[in-house]
C-alpha atoms as a PDB file:
ATOM      1  CA  MET A   1     -42.310  -2.534  27.049  1.00  0.00           C
ATOM      2  CA  PHE A   2     -38.997  -1.146  28.280  1.00  0.00           C
ATOM      3  CA  TYR A   3     -40.698   1.196  30.743  1.00  0.00           C
ATOM      4  CA  PHE A   4     -42.630  -1.783  31.996  1.00  0.00           C
ATOM      5  CA  ILE A   5     -39.343  -3.545  32.588  1.00  0.00           C
ATOM      6  CA  ASP A   6     -37.771  -0.480  34.212  1.00  0.00           C
ATOM      7  CA  LEU A   7     -40.696   0.493  36.430  1.00  0.00           C
ATOM      8  CA  LEU A   8     -42.363  -2.771  37.327  1.00  0.00           C
ATOM      9  CA  ILE A   9     -39.459  -5.153  37.515  1.00  0.00           C
ATOM     10  CA  GLN A  10     -36.580  -4.054  39.636  1.00  0.00           C
ATOM     11  CA  THR A  11     -33.811  -6.459  38.702  1.00  0.00           C
ATOM     12  CA  PRO A  12     -30.853  -7.083  40.953  1.00  0.00           C
ATOM     13  CA  GLN A  13     -27.604  -5.535  39.786  1.00  0.00           C
ATOM     14  CA  ASP A  14     -26.113  -8.843  38.621  1.00  0.00           C
ATOM     15  CA  LEU A  15     -29.229  -9.719  36.570  1.00  0.00           C
ATOM     16  CA  ASP A  16     -29.509  -6.216  35.120  1.00  0.00           C
ATOM     17  CA  GLU A  17     -26.469  -6.856  32.890  1.00  0.00           C
ATOM     18  CA  LYS A  18     -27.884 -10.226  31.772  1.00  0.00           C
ATOM     19  CA  LEU A  19     -31.223  -8.584  30.929  1.00  0.00           C
ATOM     20  CA  LYS A  20     -29.477  -5.934  28.822  1.00  0.00           C
ATOM     21  CA  ASN A  21     -27.423  -8.580  27.001  1.00  0.00           C
ATOM     22  CA  ASP A  22     -30.517 -10.681  26.311  1.00  0.00           C
ATOM     23  CA  LEU A  23     -32.387  -7.645  24.984  1.00  0.00           C
ATOM     24  CA  ILE A  24     -29.421  -6.658  22.816  1.00  0.00           C
ATOM     25  CA  SER A  25     -29.346 -10.168  21.337  1.00  0.00           C
ATOM     26  CA  TYR A  26     -33.086  -9.988  20.691  1.00  0.00           C
ATOM     27  CA  LEU A  27     -32.822  -6.582  19.032  1.00  0.00           C
ATOM     28  CA  ARG A  28     -29.885  -7.626  16.892  1.00  0.00           C
ATOM     29  CA  LYS A  29     -31.751 -10.726  15.777  1.00  0.00           C
ATOM     30  CA  ASP A  30     -35.061  -9.017  14.961  1.00  0.00           C
ATOM     31  CA  GLY A  31     -33.666  -5.658  13.938  1.00  0.00           C
ATOM     32  CA  GLU A  32     -35.216  -2.313  14.716  1.00  0.00           C
ATOM     33  CA  SER A  33     -38.664  -3.397  13.519  1.00  0.00           C
ATOM     34  CA  GLY A  34     -38.960  -5.551  16.658  1.00  0.00           C
ATOM     35  CA  MET A  35     -38.515  -2.463  18.811  1.00  0.00           C
ATOM     36  CA  GLN A  36     -41.801  -0.508  18.915  1.00  0.00           C
ATOM     37  CA  LEU A  37     -41.815   2.602  21.089  1.00  0.00           C
ATOM     38  CA  GLU A  38     -45.069   3.923  22.512  1.00  0.00           C
ATOM     39  CA  ARG A  39     -43.391   6.953  24.051  1.00  0.00           C
ATOM     40  CA  ASP A  40     -40.986   9.552  22.714  1.00  0.00           C
ATOM     41  CA  ASP A  41     -38.607   9.429  25.686  1.00  0.00           C
ATOM     42  CA  ILE A  42     -36.352   6.422  26.155  1.00  0.00           C
ATOM     43  CA  SER A  43     -36.373   4.207  29.220  1.00  0.00           C
ATOM     44  CA  PRO A  44     -33.109   3.749  31.139  1.00  0.00           C
ATOM     45  CA  THR A  45     -32.848   0.089  30.072  1.00  0.00           C
ATOM     46  CA  LEU A  46     -33.360   0.966  26.417  1.00  0.00           C
ATOM     47  CA  ALA A  47     -30.936   3.886  26.713  1.00  0.00           C
ATOM     48  CA  GLY A  48     -28.265   1.485  28.025  1.00  0.00           C
ATOM     49  CA  ILE A  49     -28.960  -0.980  25.224  1.00  0.00           C
ATOM     50  CA  ILE A  50     -28.804   1.740  22.590  1.00  0.00           C
ATOM     51  CA  GLU A  51     -25.518   2.932  24.050  1.00  0.00           C
ATOM     52  CA  VAL A  52     -24.037  -0.583  23.814  1.00  0.00           C
ATOM     53  CA  LEU A  53     -25.300  -0.976  20.247  1.00  0.00           C
ATOM     54  CA  LYS A  54     -23.868   2.419  19.239  1.00  0.00           C
ATOM     55  CA  LYS A  55     -20.512   1.540  20.797  1.00  0.00           C
ATOM     56  CA  ASP A  56     -20.434  -1.828  18.989  1.00  0.00           C
ATOM     57  CA  GLU A  57     -21.355  -0.224  15.669  1.00  0.00           C
ATOM     58  CA  LEU A  58     -18.754   2.518  16.109  1.00  0.00           C
ATOM     59  CA  GLU A  59     -16.057  -0.047  16.875  1.00  0.00           C
ATOM     60  CA  LYS A  60     -17.100  -2.116  13.869  1.00  0.00           C
ATOM     61  CA  ALA A  61     -17.147   0.957  11.608  1.00  0.00           C
ATOM     62  CA  ALA A  62     -13.737   2.065  12.915  1.00  0.00           C
ATOM     63  CA  LYS A  63     -12.224  -1.369  12.223  1.00  0.00           C
ATOM     64  CA  GLU A  64     -13.734  -1.421   8.732  1.00  0.00           C
ATOM     65  CA  GLY A  65     -12.494   2.131   8.107  1.00  0.00           C
ATOM     66  CA  ILE A  66      -8.991   1.279   9.247  1.00  0.00           C
ATOM     67  CA  GLN A  67      -8.956  -1.856   7.076  1.00  0.00           C
ATOM     68  CA  LYS A  68     -10.196   0.073   4.051  1.00  0.00           C
ATOM     69  CA  GLY A  69      -7.630   2.824   4.680  1.00  0.00           C
ATOM     70  CA  LEU A  70      -4.828   0.270   4.904  1.00  0.00           C
ATOM     71  CA  GLU A  71      -5.906  -1.370   1.659  1.00  0.00           C
ATOM     72  CA  GLU A  72      -6.122   1.979  -0.141  1.00  0.00           C
ATOM     73  CA  GLY A  73      -2.753   2.993   1.303  1.00  0.00           C
ATOM     74  CA  ARG A  74      -1.178  -0.240   0.090  1.00  0.00           C
ATOM     75  CA  LEU A  75      -2.598   0.276  -3.401  1.00  0.00           C
ATOM     76  CA  GLU A  76      -1.341   3.859  -3.520  1.00  0.00           C
ATOM     77  CA  GLY A  77       2.048   2.761  -2.193  1.00  0.00           C
ATOM     78  CA  ARG A  78       2.321   0.047  -4.818  1.00  0.00           C
ATOM     79  CA  GLU A  79       1.443   2.485  -7.583  1.00  0.00           C
ATOM     80  CA  GLU A  80       3.985   5.005  -6.308  1.00  0.00           C
ATOM     81  CA  GLY A  81       6.570   2.236  -6.092  1.00  0.00           C
ATOM     82  CA  ARG A  82       5.849   1.170  -9.663  1.00  0.00           C
ATOM     83  CA  LEU A  83       6.167   4.730 -10.934  1.00  0.00           C
ATOM     84  CA  GLU A  84       9.407   5.268  -9.047  1.00  0.00           C
ATOM     85  CA  GLY A  85      10.719   1.915 -10.254  1.00  0.00           C
ATOM     86  CA  ARG A  86       9.907   2.756 -13.849  1.00  0.00           C
ATOM     87  CA  GLU A  87      11.597   6.144 -13.567  1.00  0.00           C
ATOM     88  CA  GLU A  88      14.686   4.614 -11.947  1.00  0.00           C
ATOM     89  CA  GLY A  89      14.731   1.931 -14.649  1.00  0.00           C
ATOM     90  CA  ARG A  90      14.564   4.555 -17.366  1.00  0.00           C
ATOM     91  CA  LYS A  91      17.363   6.561 -15.779  1.00  0.00           C
ATOM     92  CA  GLU A  92      19.469   3.444 -15.364  1.00  0.00           C
ATOM     93  CA  GLY A  93      18.733   2.420 -18.951  1.00  0.00           C
ATOM     94  CA  ARG A  94      19.714   5.829 -20.297  1.00  0.00           C
ATOM     95  CA  LYS A  95      22.874   5.807 -18.230  1.00  0.00           C
ATOM     96  CA  GLU A  96      23.733   2.284 -19.376  1.00  0.00           C
ATOM     97  CA  GLY A  97      22.926   3.208 -22.977  1.00  0.00           C
ATOM     98  CA  ARG A  98      25.193   6.251 -22.847  1.00  0.00           C
ATOM     99  CA  LYS A  99      27.959   4.160 -21.335  1.00  0.00           C
ATOM    100  CA  GLU A 100      27.639   1.485 -24.030  1.00  0.00           C
ATOM    101  CA  GLY A 101      27.336   4.132 -26.713  1.00  0.00           C
ATOM    102  CA  SER A 102      30.447   5.865 -25.448  1.00  0.00           C
ATOM    103  CA  LEU A 103      32.388   2.595 -25.403  1.00  0.00           C
ATOM    104  CA  GLU A 104      31.184   1.736 -28.900  1.00  0.00           C
ATOM    105  CA  THR A 105      32.178   5.189 -30.171  1.00  0.00           C
ATOM    106  CA  ARG A 106      35.648   4.882 -28.641  1.00  0.00           C
ATOM    107  CA  LYS A 107      36.090   1.445 -30.231  1.00  0.00           C
ATOM    108  CA  GLU A 108      35.059   2.817 -33.645  1.00  0.00           C
ATOM    109  CA  LEU A 109      37.524   5.672 -33.227  1.00  0.00           C
ATOM    110  CA  ALA A 110      40.265   3.197 -32.242  1.00  0.00           C
ATOM    111  CA  ALA A 111      39.535   1.134 -35.388  1.00  0.00           C
ATOM    112  CA  LYS A 112      39.891   4.256 -37.569  1.00  0.00           C
ATOM    113  CA  LEU A 113      43.094   5.270 -35.803  1.00  0.00           C
ATOM    114  CA  LEU A 114      44.498   1.761 -36.372  1.00  0.00           C
ATOM    115  CA  GLN A 115      43.702   2.106 -40.082  1.00  0.00           C
ATOM    116  CA  GLU A 116      45.575   5.407 -40.084  1.00  0.00           C
ATOM    117  CA  GLY A 117      48.625   3.733 -38.586  1.00  0.00           C
ATOM    118  CA  PHE A 118      48.558   5.061 -35.002  1.00  0.00           C
ATOM    119  CA  SER A 119      50.419   3.019 -32.381  1.00  0.00           C
ATOM    120  CA  ILE A 120      48.519   0.967 -29.804  1.00  0.00           C
ATOM    121  CA  VAL A 121      49.962   3.124 -27.007  1.00  0.00           C
ATOM    122  CA  LYS A 122      48.780   6.352 -28.729  1.00  0.00           C
ATOM    123  CA  ILE A 123      45.292   4.887 -29.409  1.00  0.00           C
ATOM    124  CA  ALA A 124      45.003   3.735 -25.771  1.00  0.00           C
ATOM    125  CA  TYR A 125      45.903   7.253 -24.642  1.00  0.00           C
ATOM    126  CA  LEU A 126      43.443   8.995 -27.020  1.00  0.00           C
ATOM    127  CA  THR A 127      40.468   6.652 -26.478  1.00  0.00           C
ATOM    128  CA  ASN A 128      40.970   5.557 -22.857  1.00  0.00           C
ATOM    129  CA  LEU A 129      40.640   1.958 -24.011  1.00  0.00           C
ATOM    130  CA  LYS A 130      42.669  -0.800 -22.388  1.00  0.00           C
ATOM    131  CA  HIS A 131      45.416  -2.576 -24.298  1.00  0.00           C
ATOM    132  CA  ASP A 132      43.303  -5.788 -24.362  1.00  0.00           C
ATOM    133  CA  GLU A 133      40.322  -3.940 -25.866  1.00  0.00           C
ATOM    134  CA  ILE A 134      42.496  -2.496 -28.652  1.00  0.00           C
ATOM    135  CA  MET A 135      43.963  -5.960 -29.318  1.00  0.00           C
ATOM    136  CA  GLY A 136      40.399  -7.273 -29.603  1.00  0.00           C
ATOM    137  CA  ILE A 137      39.678  -4.639 -32.258  1.00  0.00           C
ATOM    138  CA  ILE A 138      42.835  -5.597 -34.167  1.00  0.00           C
ATOM    139  CA  ASN A 139      41.855  -9.294 -34.056  1.00  0.00           C
ATOM    140  CA  SER A 140      38.310  -8.553 -35.236  1.00  0.00           C
ATOM    141  CA  GLN A 141      39.652  -6.631 -38.293  1.00  0.00           C
ATOM    142  CA  LYS A 142      41.695  -9.594 -39.530  1.00  0.00           C
END
């Protein structure tokens, strides 16, 4: 059929593009089963149509591949972010826990030193607690 078109009908240049577009639409609608070849070699019209179809399919596949890659990249990035966030949270928690533990230990030491009769100035020096913090300990013991 395509050789018939190529050899028997010489279309003007401006109609040649319309013919190719119409044939492409027909082939896309009916699929490859509507395209029966009697010969092994491809006519110039069919070769042009196949080239357009290949180009369209490659562009479509490239867009789909890029989209899929972006989605996978986002998922991997989110997972990495979660892991990093968890690790930072753990580090921050340990640091905060040590800080609170250290403060609690110093307050316990200050309470024992108060029971032993040490002055507030001496306890502040030994524990690095502020005067107000030591006064709070004294008030809580009453």
